[in-house]
């Protein structure tokens, strides 16, 4: 894998489930691992393949192989769009291990807000 395309610094966050005082499950996220990544729209073929998993996968995040990445995690990216910086969150729908699983990973994702709702307004 060439390192040139990995030009975005992202943080993979792990999911934490806890219970509040009413015994309801509360989901939060904590930073787990910063990595260099390429954030790309899913190509037509990748999008069609991903629809079998989730109908709204729209982004492919390429990273070097990293043991322990799962679908229960998410990716946080600080996008510099002028001022101020905008935090973009991506829910991981599928983890694809490329090149025999030891060199590159594709995280097939969809953009969500901080509450876990898709950016288009649908629930996640």
PDB file of N, CA and C in Angstrom:
ATOM      1  N   UNK A   1       0.844  -1.181   0.000  1.00  0.00           N
ATOM      2  CA  UNK A   1       0.000   0.000   0.000  1.00  0.00           C
ATOM      3  C   UNK A   1       0.884   1.236   0.000  1.00  0.00           C
ATOM      4  N   UNK A   2       0.630   2.140  -0.910  1.00  0.00           N
ATOM      5  CA  UNK A   2       1.365   3.396  -0.934  1.00  0.00           C
ATOM      6  C   UNK A   2       0.845   4.310   0.169  1.00  0.00           C
ATOM      7  N   UNK A   3       1.758   4.997   0.851  1.00  0.00           N
ATOM      8  CA  UNK A   3       1.331   5.853   1.954  1.00  0.00           C
ATOM      9  C   UNK A   3       0.819   7.204   1.493  1.00  0.00           C
ATOM     10  N   UNK A   4       1.145   7.635   0.271  1.00  0.00           N
ATOM     11  CA  UNK A   4       0.738   8.942  -0.221  1.00  0.00           C
ATOM     12  C   UNK A   4      -0.742   9.249  -0.064  1.00  0.00           C
ATOM     13  N   UNK A   5      -1.632   8.350  -0.469  1.00  0.00           N
ATOM     14  CA  UNK A   5      -3.058   8.650  -0.369  1.00  0.00           C
ATOM     15  C   UNK A   5      -3.583   8.755   1.068  1.00  0.00           C
ATOM     16  N   UNK A   6      -2.844   8.250   2.028  1.00  0.00           N
ATOM     17  CA  UNK A   6      -3.302   8.308   3.425  1.00  0.00           C
ATOM     18  C   UNK A   6      -2.927   9.667   4.001  1.00  0.00           C
ATOM     19  N   UNK A   7      -3.721  10.685   3.666  1.00  0.00           N
ATOM     20  CA  UNK A   7      -3.353  12.044   4.020  1.00  0.00           C
ATOM     21  C   UNK A   7      -4.304  12.712   5.009  1.00  0.00           C
ATOM     22  N   UNK A   8      -5.191  11.952   5.612  1.00  0.00           N
ATOM     23  CA  UNK A   8      -6.117  12.484   6.608  1.00  0.00           C
ATOM     24  C   UNK A   8      -5.841  11.818   7.958  1.00  0.00           C
ATOM     25  N   UNK A   9      -5.746  12.616   8.999  1.00  0.00           N
ATOM     26  CA  UNK A   9      -5.541  12.064  10.337  1.00  0.00           C
ATOM     27  C   UNK A   9      -6.919  11.863  10.965  1.00  0.00           C
ATOM     28  N   UNK A  10      -7.266  10.627  11.258  1.00  0.00           N
ATOM     29  CA  UNK A  10      -8.560  10.305  11.856  1.00  0.00           C
ATOM     30  C   UNK A  10      -8.331   9.582  13.172  1.00  0.00           C
ATOM     31  N   UNK A  11      -9.365   9.500  13.968  1.00  0.00           N
ATOM     32  CA  UNK A  11      -9.295   8.754  15.228  1.00  0.00           C
ATOM     33  C   UNK A  11     -10.382   7.692  15.206  1.00  0.00           C
ATOM     34  N   UNK A  12      -9.974   6.462  15.392  1.00  0.00           N
ATOM     35  CA  UNK A  12     -10.947   5.377  15.542  1.00  0.00           C
ATOM     36  C   UNK A  12     -11.379   5.388  16.998  1.00  0.00           C
ATOM     37  N   UNK A  13     -12.679   5.383  17.200  1.00  0.00           N
ATOM     38  CA  UNK A  13     -13.238   5.441  18.550  1.00  0.00           C
ATOM     39  C   UNK A  13     -13.945   4.135  18.869  1.00  0.00           C
ATOM     40  N   UNK A  14     -13.776   3.696  20.113  1.00  0.00           N
ATOM     41  CA  UNK A  14     -14.450   2.472  20.535  1.00  0.00           C
ATOM     42  C   UNK A  14     -15.743   2.822  21.258  1.00  0.00           C
ATOM     43  N   UNK A  15     -16.689   1.924  21.115  1.00  0.00           N
ATOM     44  CA  UNK A  15     -18.012   2.108  21.703  1.00  0.00           C
ATOM     45  C   UNK A  15     -17.994   1.655  23.159  1.00  0.00           C
ATOM     46  N   UNK A  16     -18.612   2.450  24.026  1.00  0.00           N
ATOM     47  CA  UNK A  16     -18.724   2.114  25.445  1.00  0.00           C
ATOM     48  C   UNK A  16     -20.197   2.095  25.814  1.00  0.00           C
ATOM     49  N   UNK A  17     -20.643   0.969  26.351  1.00  0.00           N
ATOM     50  CA  UNK A  17     -22.030   0.858  26.795  1.00  0.00           C
ATOM     51  C   UNK A  17     -22.052   0.841  28.315  1.00  0.00           C
ATOM     52  N   UNK A  18     -22.882   1.686  28.888  1.00  0.00           N
ATOM     53  CA  UNK A  18     -23.041   1.735  30.339  1.00  0.00           C
ATOM     54  C   UNK A  18     -24.528   1.893  30.648  1.00  0.00           C
ATOM     55  N   UNK A  19     -24.847   1.885  31.928  1.00  0.00           N
ATOM     56  CA  UNK A  19     -26.243   2.065  32.332  1.00  0.00           C
ATOM     57  C   UNK A  19     -26.360   3.319  33.190  1.00  0.00           C
ATOM     58  N   UNK A  20     -27.451   4.051  32.962  1.00  0.00           N
ATOM     59  CA  UNK A  20     -27.706   5.220  33.792  1.00  0.00           C
ATOM     60  C   UNK A  20     -28.478   4.814  35.044  1.00  0.00           C
ATOM     61  N   UNK A  21     -28.879   5.790  35.824  1.00  0.00           N
ATOM     62  CA  UNK A  21     -29.568   5.492  37.089  1.00  0.00           C
ATOM     63  C   UNK A  21     -30.919   4.821  36.888  1.00  0.00           C
ATOM     64  N   UNK A  22     -31.473   4.858  35.674  1.00  0.00           N
ATOM     65  CA  UNK A  22     -32.748   4.214  35.365  1.00  0.00           C
ATOM     66  C   UNK A  22     -32.556   2.857  34.699  1.00  0.00           C
ATOM     67  N   UNK A  23     -31.324   2.356  34.708  1.00  0.00           N
ATOM     68  CA  UNK A  23     -30.960   1.062  34.119  1.00  0.00           C
ATOM     69  C   UNK A  23     -31.125   1.048  32.599  1.00  0.00           C
ATOM     70  N   UNK A  24     -31.092   2.226  31.974  1.00  0.00           N
ATOM     71  CA  UNK A  24     -31.146   2.317  30.531  1.00  0.00           C
ATOM     72  C   UNK A  24     -29.724   2.268  29.986  1.00  0.00           C
ATOM     73  N   UNK A  25     -29.570   1.634  28.838  1.00  0.00           N
ATOM     74  CA  UNK A  25     -28.256   1.561  28.210  1.00  0.00           C
ATOM     75  C   UNK A  25     -27.899   2.908  27.608  1.00  0.00           C
ATOM     76  N   UNK A  26     -26.715   3.386  27.940  1.00  0.00           N
ATOM     77  CA  UNK A  26     -26.204   4.646  27.421  1.00  0.00           C
ATOM     78  C   UNK A  26     -24.962   4.330  26.599  1.00  0.00           C
ATOM     79  N   UNK A  27     -24.943   4.807  25.364  1.00  0.00           N
ATOM     80  CA  UNK A  27     -23.811   4.549  24.477  1.00  0.00           C
ATOM     81  C   UNK A  27     -22.981   5.812  24.353  1.00  0.00           C
ATOM     82  N   UNK A  28     -21.672   5.657  24.540  1.00  0.00           N
ATOM     83  CA  UNK A  28     -20.740   6.759  24.339  1.00  0.00           C
ATOM     84  C   UNK A  28     -19.529   6.206  23.602  1.00  0.00           C
ATOM     85  N   UNK A  29     -18.638   7.087  23.204  1.00  0.00           N
ATOM     86  CA  UNK A  29     -17.444   6.678  22.464  1.00  0.00           C
ATOM     87  C   UNK A  29     -16.216   7.316  23.092  1.00  0.00           C
ATOM     88  N   UNK A  30     -15.113   6.571  23.039  1.00  0.00           N
ATOM     89  CA  UNK A  30     -13.831   7.065  23.540  1.00  0.00           C
ATOM     90  C   UNK A  30     -12.779   6.864  22.457  1.00  0.00           C
ATOM     91  N   UNK A  31     -11.863   7.819  22.362  1.00  0.00           N
ATOM     92  CA  UNK A  31     -10.780   7.690  21.387  1.00  0.00           C
ATOM     93  C   UNK A  31     -10.005   6.416  21.659  1.00  0.00           C
ATOM     94  N   UNK A  32      -9.714   5.679  20.586  1.00  0.00           N
ATOM     95  CA  UNK A  32      -8.996   4.415  20.710  1.00  0.00           C
ATOM     96  C   UNK A  32      -7.647   4.464  20.012  1.00  0.00           C
ATOM     97  N   UNK A  33      -7.643   4.855  18.711  1.00  0.00           N
ATOM     98  CA  UNK A  33      -6.396   4.807  17.961  1.00  0.00           C
ATOM     99  C   UNK A  33      -6.393   5.874  16.868  1.00  0.00           C
ATOM    100  N   UNK A  34      -5.426   6.797  16.892  1.00  0.00           N
ATOM    101  CA  UNK A  34      -5.289   7.717  15.763  1.00  0.00           C
ATOM    102  C   UNK A  34      -4.555   7.016  14.619  1.00  0.00           C
ATOM    103  N   UNK A  35      -5.004   7.225  13.385  1.00  0.00           N
ATOM    104  CA  UNK A  35      -4.373   6.598  12.222  1.00  0.00           C
ATOM    105  C   UNK A  35      -4.431   7.560  11.040  1.00  0.00           C
ATOM    106  N   UNK A  36      -3.573   7.326  10.063  1.00  0.00           N
ATOM    107  CA  UNK A  36      -3.630   8.040   8.797  1.00  0.00           C
ATOM    108  C   UNK A  36      -4.588   7.285   7.883  1.00  0.00           C
ATOM    109  N   UNK A  37      -5.395   8.036   7.134  1.00  0.00           N
ATOM    110  CA  UNK A  37      -6.433   7.405   6.313  1.00  0.00           C
ATOM    111  C   UNK A  37      -6.655   8.181   5.021  1.00  0.00           C
ATOM    112  N   UNK A  38      -7.298   7.513   4.086  1.00  0.00           N
ATOM    113  CA  UNK A  38      -7.828   8.143   2.883  1.00  0.00           C
ATOM    114  C   UNK A  38      -9.345   8.038   2.986  1.00  0.00           C
ATOM    115  N   UNK A  39     -10.025   9.157   2.874  1.00  0.00           N
ATOM    116  CA  UNK A  39     -11.482   9.181   2.947  1.00  0.00           C
ATOM    117  C   UNK A  39     -11.999   9.430   1.539  1.00  0.00           C
ATOM    118  N   UNK A  40     -12.751   8.455   1.024  1.00  0.00           N
ATOM    119  CA  UNK A  40     -13.197   8.499  -0.370  1.00  0.00           C
ATOM    120  C   UNK A  40     -14.668   8.123  -0.454  1.00  0.00           C
ATOM    121  N   UNK A  41     -15.373   8.667  -1.438  1.00  0.00           N
ATOM    122  CA  UNK A  41     -16.732   8.161  -1.668  1.00  0.00           C
ATOM    123  C   UNK A  41     -16.631   6.723  -2.155  1.00  0.00           C
ATOM    124  N   UNK A  42     -17.560   5.887  -1.747  1.00  0.00           N
ATOM    125  CA  UNK A  42     -17.571   4.500  -2.222  1.00  0.00           C
ATOM    126  C   UNK A  42     -17.871   4.514  -3.714  1.00  0.00           C
ATOM    127  N   UNK A  43     -17.112   3.728  -4.484  1.00  0.00           N
ATOM    128  CA  UNK A  43     -17.364   3.659  -5.924  1.00  0.00           C
ATOM    129  C   UNK A  43     -18.693   2.952  -6.160  1.00  0.00           C
ATOM    130  N   UNK A  44     -19.199   3.029  -7.377  1.00  0.00           N
ATOM    131  CA  UNK A  44     -20.473   2.390  -7.689  1.00  0.00           C
ATOM    132  C   UNK A  44     -20.480   0.923  -7.342  1.00  0.00           C
ATOM    133  N   UNK A  45     -19.427   0.205  -7.709  1.00  0.00           N
ATOM    134  CA  UNK A  45     -19.368  -1.233  -7.446  1.00  0.00           C
ATOM    135  C   UNK A  45     -19.285  -1.499  -5.935  1.00  0.00           C
ATOM    136  N   UNK A  46     -18.445  -0.740  -5.240  1.00  0.00           N
ATOM    137  CA  UNK A  46     -18.327  -0.907  -3.788  1.00  0.00           C
ATOM    138  C   UNK A  46     -19.649  -0.565  -3.117  1.00  0.00           C
ATOM    139  N   UNK A  47     -20.320   0.475  -3.618  1.00  0.00           N
ATOM    140  CA  UNK A  47     -21.588   0.886  -3.043  1.00  0.00           C
ATOM    141  C   UNK A  47     -22.635  -0.207  -3.201  1.00  0.00           C
ATOM    142  N   UNK A  48     -22.698  -0.804  -4.375  1.00  0.00           N
ATOM    143  CA  UNK A  48     -23.660  -1.882  -4.624  1.00  0.00           C
ATOM    144  C   UNK A  48     -23.364  -3.067  -3.718  1.00  0.00           C
ATOM    145  N   UNK A  49     -22.085  -3.444  -3.585  1.00  0.00           N
ATOM    146  CA  UNK A  49     -21.719  -4.554  -2.707  1.00  0.00           C
ATOM    147  C   UNK A  49     -22.048  -4.228  -1.258  1.00  0.00           C
ATOM    148  N   UNK A  50     -21.826  -2.999  -0.858  1.00  0.00           N
ATOM    149  CA  UNK A  50     -22.077  -2.606   0.524  1.00  0.00           C
ATOM    150  C   UNK A  50     -23.560  -2.561   0.846  1.00  0.00           C
ATOM    151  N   UNK A  51     -24.409  -2.359  -0.157  1.00  0.00           N
ATOM    152  CA  UNK A  51     -25.841  -2.301   0.092  1.00  0.00           C
ATOM    153  C   UNK A  51     -26.370  -3.605   0.670  1.00  0.00           C
ATOM    154  N   UNK A  52     -25.681  -4.694   0.441  1.00  0.00           N
ATOM    155  CA  UNK A  52     -26.105  -5.956   1.024  1.00  0.00           C
ATOM    156  C   UNK A  52     -25.947  -5.919   2.533  1.00  0.00           C
ATOM    157  N   UNK A  53     -25.099  -5.046   3.015  1.00  0.00           N
ATOM    158  CA  UNK A  53     -24.878  -4.902   4.451  1.00  0.00           C
ATOM    159  C   UNK A  53     -25.743  -3.768   4.993  1.00  0.00           C
ATOM    160  N   UNK A  54     -25.721  -2.633   4.321  1.00  0.00           N
ATOM    161  CA  UNK A  54     -26.484  -1.470   4.746  1.00  0.00           C
ATOM    162  C   UNK A  54     -26.808  -0.631   3.522  1.00  0.00           C
ATOM    163  N   UNK A  55     -28.000  -0.150   3.428  1.00  0.00           N
ATOM    164  CA  UNK A  55     -28.422   0.545   2.223  1.00  0.00           C
ATOM    165  C   UNK A  55     -27.829   1.933   2.069  1.00  0.00           C
ATOM    166  N   UNK A  56     -27.147   2.455   3.084  1.00  0.00           N
ATOM    167  CA  UNK A  56     -26.674   3.824   2.963  1.00  0.00           C
ATOM    168  C   UNK A  56     -25.169   3.984   3.199  1.00  0.00           C
ATOM    169  N   UNK A  57     -24.400   2.950   2.941  1.00  0.00           N
ATOM    170  CA  UNK A  57     -22.953   3.091   2.987  1.00  0.00           C
ATOM    171  C   UNK A  57     -22.563   4.055   1.881  1.00  0.00           C
ATOM    172  N   UNK A  58     -21.829   5.088   2.237  1.00  0.00           N
ATOM    173  CA  UNK A  58     -21.504   6.089   1.239  1.00  0.00           C
ATOM    174  C   UNK A  58     -20.026   6.455   1.207  1.00  0.00           C
ATOM    175  N   UNK A  59     -19.256   6.016   2.181  1.00  0.00           N
ATOM    176  CA  UNK A  59     -17.868   6.430   2.286  1.00  0.00           C
ATOM    177  C   UNK A  59     -16.972   5.231   2.565  1.00  0.00           C
ATOM    178  N   UNK A  60     -15.823   5.228   1.892  1.00  0.00           N
ATOM    179  CA  UNK A  60     -14.807   4.205   2.145  1.00  0.00           C
ATOM    180  C   UNK A  60     -13.632   4.909   2.803  1.00  0.00           C
ATOM    181  N   UNK A  61     -13.223   4.409   3.957  1.00  0.00           N
ATOM    182  CA  UNK A  61     -12.057   4.951   4.646  1.00  0.00           C
ATOM    183  C   UNK A  61     -10.987   3.872   4.601  1.00  0.00           C
ATOM    184  N   UNK A  62      -9.882   4.173   3.919  1.00  0.00           N
ATOM    185  CA  UNK A  62      -8.785   3.220   3.785  1.00  0.00           C
ATOM    186  C   UNK A  62      -7.727   3.513   4.835  1.00  0.00           C
ATOM    187  N   UNK A  63      -7.292   2.472   5.535  1.00  0.00           N
ATOM    188  CA  UNK A  63      -6.237   2.597   6.534  1.00  0.00           C
ATOM    189  C   UNK A  63      -5.295   1.409   6.406  1.00  0.00           C
ATOM    190  N   UNK A  64      -4.141   1.512   7.024  1.00  0.00           N
ATOM    191  CA  UNK A  64      -3.276   0.344   7.124  1.00  0.00           C
ATOM    192  C   UNK A  64      -3.956  -0.665   8.048  1.00  0.00           C
ATOM    193  N   UNK A  65      -3.594  -1.922   7.877  1.00  0.00           N
ATOM    194  CA  UNK A  65      -4.181  -2.967   8.722  1.00  0.00           C
ATOM    195  C   UNK A  65      -3.979  -2.619  10.194  1.00  0.00           C
ATOM    196  N   UNK A  66      -5.028  -2.761  10.967  1.00  0.00           N
ATOM    197  CA  UNK A  66      -4.984  -2.486  12.403  1.00  0.00           C
ATOM    198  C   UNK A  66      -5.827  -3.533  13.108  1.00  0.00           C
ATOM    199  N   UNK A  67      -5.193  -4.343  13.893  1.00  0.00           N
ATOM    200  CA  UNK A  67      -5.899  -5.408  14.610  1.00  0.00           C
ATOM    201  C   UNK A  67      -6.886  -4.809  15.608  1.00  0.00           C
ATOM    202  N   UNK A  68      -8.070  -5.375  15.664  1.00  0.00           N
ATOM    203  CA  UNK A  68      -9.052  -4.975  16.661  1.00  0.00           C
ATOM    204  C   UNK A  68     -10.150  -4.046  16.178  1.00  0.00           C
ATOM    205  N   UNK A  69     -10.084  -3.581  14.938  1.00  0.00           N
ATOM    206  CA  UNK A  69     -11.128  -2.699  14.414  1.00  0.00           C
ATOM    207  C   UNK A  69     -12.377  -3.530  14.141  1.00  0.00           C
ATOM    208  N   UNK A  70     -13.525  -3.058  14.641  1.00  0.00           N
ATOM    209  CA  UNK A  70     -14.786  -3.783  14.463  1.00  0.00           C
ATOM    210  C   UNK A  70     -15.895  -2.841  13.995  1.00  0.00           C
ATOM    211  N   UNK A  71     -17.025  -3.431  13.651  1.00  0.00           N
ATOM    212  CA  UNK A  71     -18.194  -2.659  13.233  1.00  0.00           C
ATOM    213  C   UNK A  71     -18.825  -1.882  14.380  1.00  0.00           C
ATOM    214  N   UNK A  72     -18.454  -2.158  15.610  1.00  0.00           N
ATOM    215  CA  UNK A  72     -19.022  -1.431  16.742  1.00  0.00           C
ATOM    216  C   UNK A  72     -18.268  -0.126  17.020  1.00  0.00           C
ATOM    217  N   UNK A  73     -17.299   0.185  16.182  1.00  0.00           N
ATOM    218  CA  UNK A  73     -16.510   1.399  16.363  1.00  0.00           C
ATOM    219  C   UNK A  73     -16.993   2.470  15.397  1.00  0.00           C
ATOM    220  N   UNK A  74     -16.425   3.655  15.537  1.00  0.00           N
ATOM    221  CA  UNK A  74     -16.701   4.728  14.589  1.00  0.00           C
ATOM    222  C   UNK A  74     -15.416   5.502  14.343  1.00  0.00           C
ATOM    223  N   UNK A  75     -15.449   6.354  13.323  1.00  0.00           N
ATOM    224  CA  UNK A  75     -14.282   7.143  12.934  1.00  0.00           C
ATOM    225  C   UNK A  75     -14.628   8.616  13.105  1.00  0.00           C
ATOM    226  N   UNK A  76     -13.722   9.358  13.738  1.00  0.00           N
ATOM    227  CA  UNK A  76     -13.874  10.795  13.911  1.00  0.00           C
ATOM    228  C   UNK A  76     -12.812  11.495  13.076  1.00  0.00           C
ATOM    229  N   UNK A  77     -13.240  12.513  12.331  1.00  0.00           N
ATOM    230  CA  UNK A  77     -12.321  13.247  11.460  1.00  0.00           C
ATOM    231  C   UNK A  77     -12.552  14.738  11.637  1.00  0.00           C
ATOM    232  N   UNK A  78     -11.486  15.464  11.936  1.00  0.00           N
ATOM    233  CA  UNK A  78     -11.549  16.917  12.076  1.00  0.00           C
ATOM    234  C   UNK A  78     -11.304  17.536  10.700  1.00  0.00           C
ATOM    235  N   UNK A  79     -12.361  17.918  10.027  1.00  0.00           N
ATOM    236  CA  UNK A  79     -12.252  18.492   8.688  1.00  0.00           C
ATOM    237  C   UNK A  79     -12.068  20.001   8.807  1.00  0.00           C
ATOM    238  N   UNK A  80     -11.019  20.475   8.184  1.00  0.00           N
ATOM    239  CA  UNK A  80     -10.752  21.912   8.186  1.00  0.00           C
ATOM    240  C   UNK A  80     -11.522  22.505   7.020  1.00  0.00           C
ATOM    241  N   UNK A  81     -12.600  23.176   7.333  1.00  0.00           N
ATOM    242  CA  UNK A  81     -13.440  23.800   6.303  1.00  0.00           C
ATOM    243  C   UNK A  81     -13.451  25.298   6.581  1.00  0.00           C
ATOM    244  N   UNK A  82     -12.275  25.895   6.456  1.00  0.00           N
ATOM    245  CA  UNK A  82     -12.163  27.295   6.826  1.00  0.00           C
ATOM    246  C   UNK A  82     -12.023  27.378   8.334  1.00  0.00           C
ATOM    247  N   UNK A  83     -12.829  28.195   8.958  1.00  0.00           N
ATOM    248  CA  UNK A  83     -12.791  28.326  10.407  1.00  0.00           C
ATOM    249  C   UNK A  83     -14.228  28.375  10.889  1.00  0.00           C
ATOM    250  N   UNK A  84     -14.667  27.651  11.835  1.00  0.00           N
ATOM    251  CA  UNK A  84     -13.920  26.700  12.665  1.00  0.00           C
ATOM    252  C   UNK A  84     -13.818  25.317  12.013  1.00  0.00           C
ATOM    253  N   UNK A  85     -13.035  24.452  12.645  1.00  0.00           N
ATOM    254  CA  UNK A  85     -12.894  23.070  12.210  1.00  0.00           C
ATOM    255  C   UNK A  85     -14.186  22.319  12.494  1.00  0.00           C
ATOM    256  N   UNK A  86     -14.572  21.431  11.601  1.00  0.00           N
ATOM    257  CA  UNK A  86     -15.808  20.656  11.738  1.00  0.00           C
ATOM    258  C   UNK A  86     -15.447  19.201  12.024  1.00  0.00           C
ATOM    259  N   UNK A  87     -16.061  18.606  13.029  1.00  0.00           N
ATOM    260  CA  UNK A  87     -15.862  17.195  13.318  1.00  0.00           C
ATOM    261  C   UNK A  87     -16.890  16.379  12.550  1.00  0.00           C
ATOM    262  N   UNK A  88     -16.401  15.444  11.758  1.00  0.00           N
ATOM    263  CA  UNK A  88     -17.269  14.561  10.986  1.00  0.00           C
ATOM    264  C   UNK A  88     -17.149  13.163  11.588  1.00  0.00           C
ATOM    265  N   UNK A  89     -18.283  12.517  11.840  1.00  0.00           N
ATOM    266  CA  UNK A  89     -18.304  11.179  12.419  1.00  0.00           C
ATOM    267  C   UNK A  89     -18.813  10.182  11.390  1.00  0.00           C
ATOM    268  N   UNK A  90     -18.165   9.027  11.337  1.00  0.00           N
ATOM    269  CA  UNK A  90     -18.544   7.956  10.416  1.00  0.00           C
ATOM    270  C   UNK A  90     -18.799   6.679  11.203  1.00  0.00           C
ATOM    271  N   UNK A  91     -19.985   6.117  11.048  1.00  0.00           N
ATOM    272  CA  UNK A  91     -20.307   4.825  11.637  1.00  0.00           C
ATOM    273  C   UNK A  91     -19.771   3.737  10.717  1.00  0.00           C
ATOM    274  N   UNK A  92     -19.080   2.767  11.266  1.00  0.00           N
ATOM    275  CA  UNK A  92     -18.511   1.684  10.469  1.00  0.00           C
ATOM    276  C   UNK A  92     -19.570   0.607  10.258  1.00  0.00           C
ATOM    277  N   UNK A  93     -19.918   0.361   9.003  1.00  0.00           N
ATOM    278  CA  UNK A  93     -20.887  -0.682   8.677  1.00  0.00           C
ATOM    279  C   UNK A  93     -20.221  -2.009   8.354  1.00  0.00           C
ATOM    280  N   UNK A  94     -18.992  -1.945   7.842  1.00  0.00           N
ATOM    281  CA  UNK A  94     -18.287  -3.179   7.523  1.00  0.00           C
ATOM    282  C   UNK A  94     -16.792  -2.914   7.489  1.00  0.00           C
ATOM    283  N   UNK A  95     -16.016  -3.919   7.880  1.00  0.00           N
ATOM    284  CA  UNK A  95     -14.558  -3.852   7.854  1.00  0.00           C
ATOM    285  C   UNK A  95     -14.081  -4.876   6.839  1.00  0.00           C
ATOM    286  N   UNK A  96     -13.459  -4.402   5.754  1.00  0.00           N
ATOM    287  CA  UNK A  96     -12.951  -5.292   4.714  1.00  0.00           C
ATOM    288  C   UNK A  96     -11.437  -5.335   4.794  1.00  0.00           C
ATOM    289  N   UNK A  97     -10.899  -6.534   4.933  1.00  0.00           N
ATOM    290  CA  UNK A  97      -9.443  -6.692   4.980  1.00  0.00           C
ATOM    291  C   UNK A  97      -8.952  -6.985   3.568  1.00  0.00           C
ATOM    292  N   UNK A  98      -8.091  -6.135   3.051  1.00  0.00           N
ATOM    293  CA  UNK A  98      -7.615  -6.195   1.676  1.00  0.00           C
ATOM    294  C   UNK A  98      -6.196  -6.766   1.662  1.00  0.00           C
ATOM    295  N   UNK A  99      -5.794  -7.345   0.536  1.00  0.00           N
ATOM    296  CA  UNK A  99      -4.440  -7.907   0.383  1.00  0.00           C
ATOM    297  C   UNK A  99      -4.147  -8.956   1.452  1.00  0.00           C
ATOM    298  N   UNK A 100      -5.020  -9.921   1.536  1.00  0.00           N
ATOM    299  CA  UNK A 100      -4.883 -11.029   2.483  1.00  0.00           C
ATOM    300  C   UNK A 100      -4.945 -10.571   3.932  1.00  0.00           C
ATOM    301  N   UNK A 101      -5.548  -9.428   4.169  1.00  0.00           N
ATOM    302  CA  UNK A 101      -5.854  -9.011   5.518  1.00  0.00           C
ATOM    303  C   UNK A 101      -4.735  -8.444   6.347  1.00  0.00           C
ATOM    304  N   UNK A 102      -3.541  -8.301   5.820  1.00  0.00           N
ATOM    305  CA  UNK A 102      -2.435  -7.872   6.668  1.00  0.00           C
ATOM    306  C   UNK A 102      -1.827  -6.531   6.261  1.00  0.00           C
ATOM    307  N   UNK A 103      -2.346  -5.897   5.204  1.00  0.00           N
ATOM    308  CA  UNK A 103      -1.740  -4.651   4.746  1.00  0.00           C
ATOM    309  C   UNK A 103      -2.697  -3.474   4.800  1.00  0.00           C
ATOM    310  N   UNK A 104      -3.881  -3.679   4.329  1.00  0.00           N
ATOM    311  CA  UNK A 104      -4.816  -2.567   4.159  1.00  0.00           C
ATOM    312  C   UNK A 104      -6.207  -2.987   4.599  1.00  0.00           C
ATOM    313  N   UNK A 105      -6.958  -2.019   5.126  1.00  0.00           N
ATOM    314  CA  UNK A 105      -8.345  -2.252   5.515  1.00  0.00           C
ATOM    315  C   UNK A 105      -9.196  -1.164   4.889  1.00  0.00           C
ATOM    316  N   UNK A 106     -10.399  -1.536   4.498  1.00  0.00           N
ATOM    317  CA  UNK A 106     -11.389  -0.575   4.054  1.00  0.00           C
ATOM    318  C   UNK A 106     -12.494  -0.566   5.081  1.00  0.00           C
ATOM    319  N   UNK A 107     -12.801   0.582   5.594  1.00  0.00           N
ATOM    320  CA  UNK A 107     -13.926   0.737   6.507  1.00  0.00           C
ATOM    321  C   UNK A 107     -15.064   1.334   5.697  1.00  0.00           C
ATOM    322  N   UNK A 108     -16.093   0.545   5.460  1.00  0.00           N
ATOM    323  CA  UNK A 108     -17.255   1.003   4.708  1.00  0.00           C
ATOM    324  C   UNK A 108     -18.180   1.698   5.706  1.00  0.00           C
ATOM    325  N   UNK A 109     -18.408   2.985   5.496  1.00  0.00           N
ATOM    326  CA  UNK A 109     -19.036   3.819   6.519  1.00  0.00           C
ATOM    327  C   UNK A 109     -20.187   4.653   5.982  1.00  0.00           C
ATOM    328  N   UNK A 110     -20.900   5.246   6.919  1.00  0.00           N
ATOM    329  CA  UNK A 110     -21.894   6.263   6.610  1.00  0.00           C
ATOM    330  C   UNK A 110     -21.701   7.397   7.612  1.00  0.00           C
ATOM    331  N   UNK A 111     -21.924   8.595   7.157  1.00  0.00           N
ATOM    332  CA  UNK A 111     -21.746   9.763   8.019  1.00  0.00           C
ATOM    333  C   UNK A 111     -22.931   9.882   8.968  1.00  0.00           C
ATOM    334  N   UNK A 112     -22.639  10.127  10.246  1.00  0.00           N
ATOM    335  CA  UNK A 112     -23.674  10.279  11.272  1.00  0.00           C
ATOM    336  C   UNK A 112     -23.384  11.527  12.096  1.00  0.00           C
ATOM    337  N   UNK A 113     -24.394  11.972  12.823  1.00  0.00           N
ATOM    338  CA  UNK A 113     -24.163  13.084  13.738  1.00  0.00           C
ATOM    339  C   UNK A 113     -23.764  12.530  15.102  1.00  0.00           C
ATOM    340  N   UNK A 114     -23.560  13.394  16.068  1.00  0.00           N
ATOM    341  CA  UNK A 114     -23.058  12.951  17.378  1.00  0.00           C
ATOM    342  C   UNK A 114     -24.046  12.070  18.137  1.00  0.00           C
ATOM    343  N   UNK A 115     -25.305  12.066  17.729  1.00  0.00           N
ATOM    344  CA  UNK A 115     -26.320  11.223  18.373  1.00  0.00           C
ATOM    345  C   UNK A 115     -26.503   9.894  17.652  1.00  0.00           C
ATOM    346  N   UNK A 116     -25.773   9.670  16.563  1.00  0.00           N
ATOM    347  CA  UNK A 116     -25.865   8.424  15.830  1.00  0.00           C
ATOM    348  C   UNK A 116     -26.889   8.430  14.714  1.00  0.00           C
ATOM    349  N   UNK A 117     -27.414   9.599  14.378  1.00  0.00           N
ATOM    350  CA  UNK A 117     -28.381   9.705  13.300  1.00  0.00           C
ATOM    351  C   UNK A 117     -27.653  10.006  12.001  1.00  0.00           C
ATOM    352  N   UNK A 118     -28.097   9.366  10.922  1.00  0.00           N
ATOM    353  CA  UNK A 118     -27.506   9.650   9.614  1.00  0.00           C
ATOM    354  C   UNK A 118     -27.630  11.133   9.328  1.00  0.00           C
ATOM    355  N   UNK A 119     -26.675  11.645   8.593  1.00  0.00           N
ATOM    356  CA  UNK A 119     -26.662  13.060   8.286  1.00  0.00           C
ATOM    357  C   UNK A 119     -27.899  13.481   7.507  1.00  0.00           C
ATOM    358  N   UNK A 120     -28.509  12.555   6.734  1.00  0.00           N
ATOM    359  CA  UNK A 120     -29.719  12.901   5.978  1.00  0.00           C
ATOM    360  C   UNK A 120     -30.956  13.001   6.871  1.00  0.00           C
ATOM    361  N   UNK A 121     -30.805  12.744   8.176  1.00  0.00           N
ATOM    362  CA  UNK A 121     -31.918  12.912   9.108  1.00  0.00           C
ATOM    363  C   UNK A 121     -32.571  11.619   9.547  1.00  0.00           C
ATOM    364  N   UNK A 122     -32.220  10.484   8.952  1.00  0.00           N
ATOM    365  CA  UNK A 122     -32.802   9.206   9.340  1.00  0.00           C
ATOM    366  C   UNK A 122     -32.092   8.662  10.569  1.00  0.00           C
ATOM    367  N   UNK A 123     -32.764   7.792  11.314  1.00  0.00           N
ATOM    368  CA  UNK A 123     -32.123   7.218  12.499  1.00  0.00           C
ATOM    369  C   UNK A 123     -31.076   6.204  12.079  1.00  0.00           C
ATOM    370  N   UNK A 124     -30.027   6.077  12.906  1.00  0.00           N
ATOM    371  CA  UNK A 124     -28.916   5.184  12.577  1.00  0.00           C
ATOM    372  C   UNK A 124     -28.954   3.961  13.311  1.00  0.00           C
TER     373      UNK A 124
END
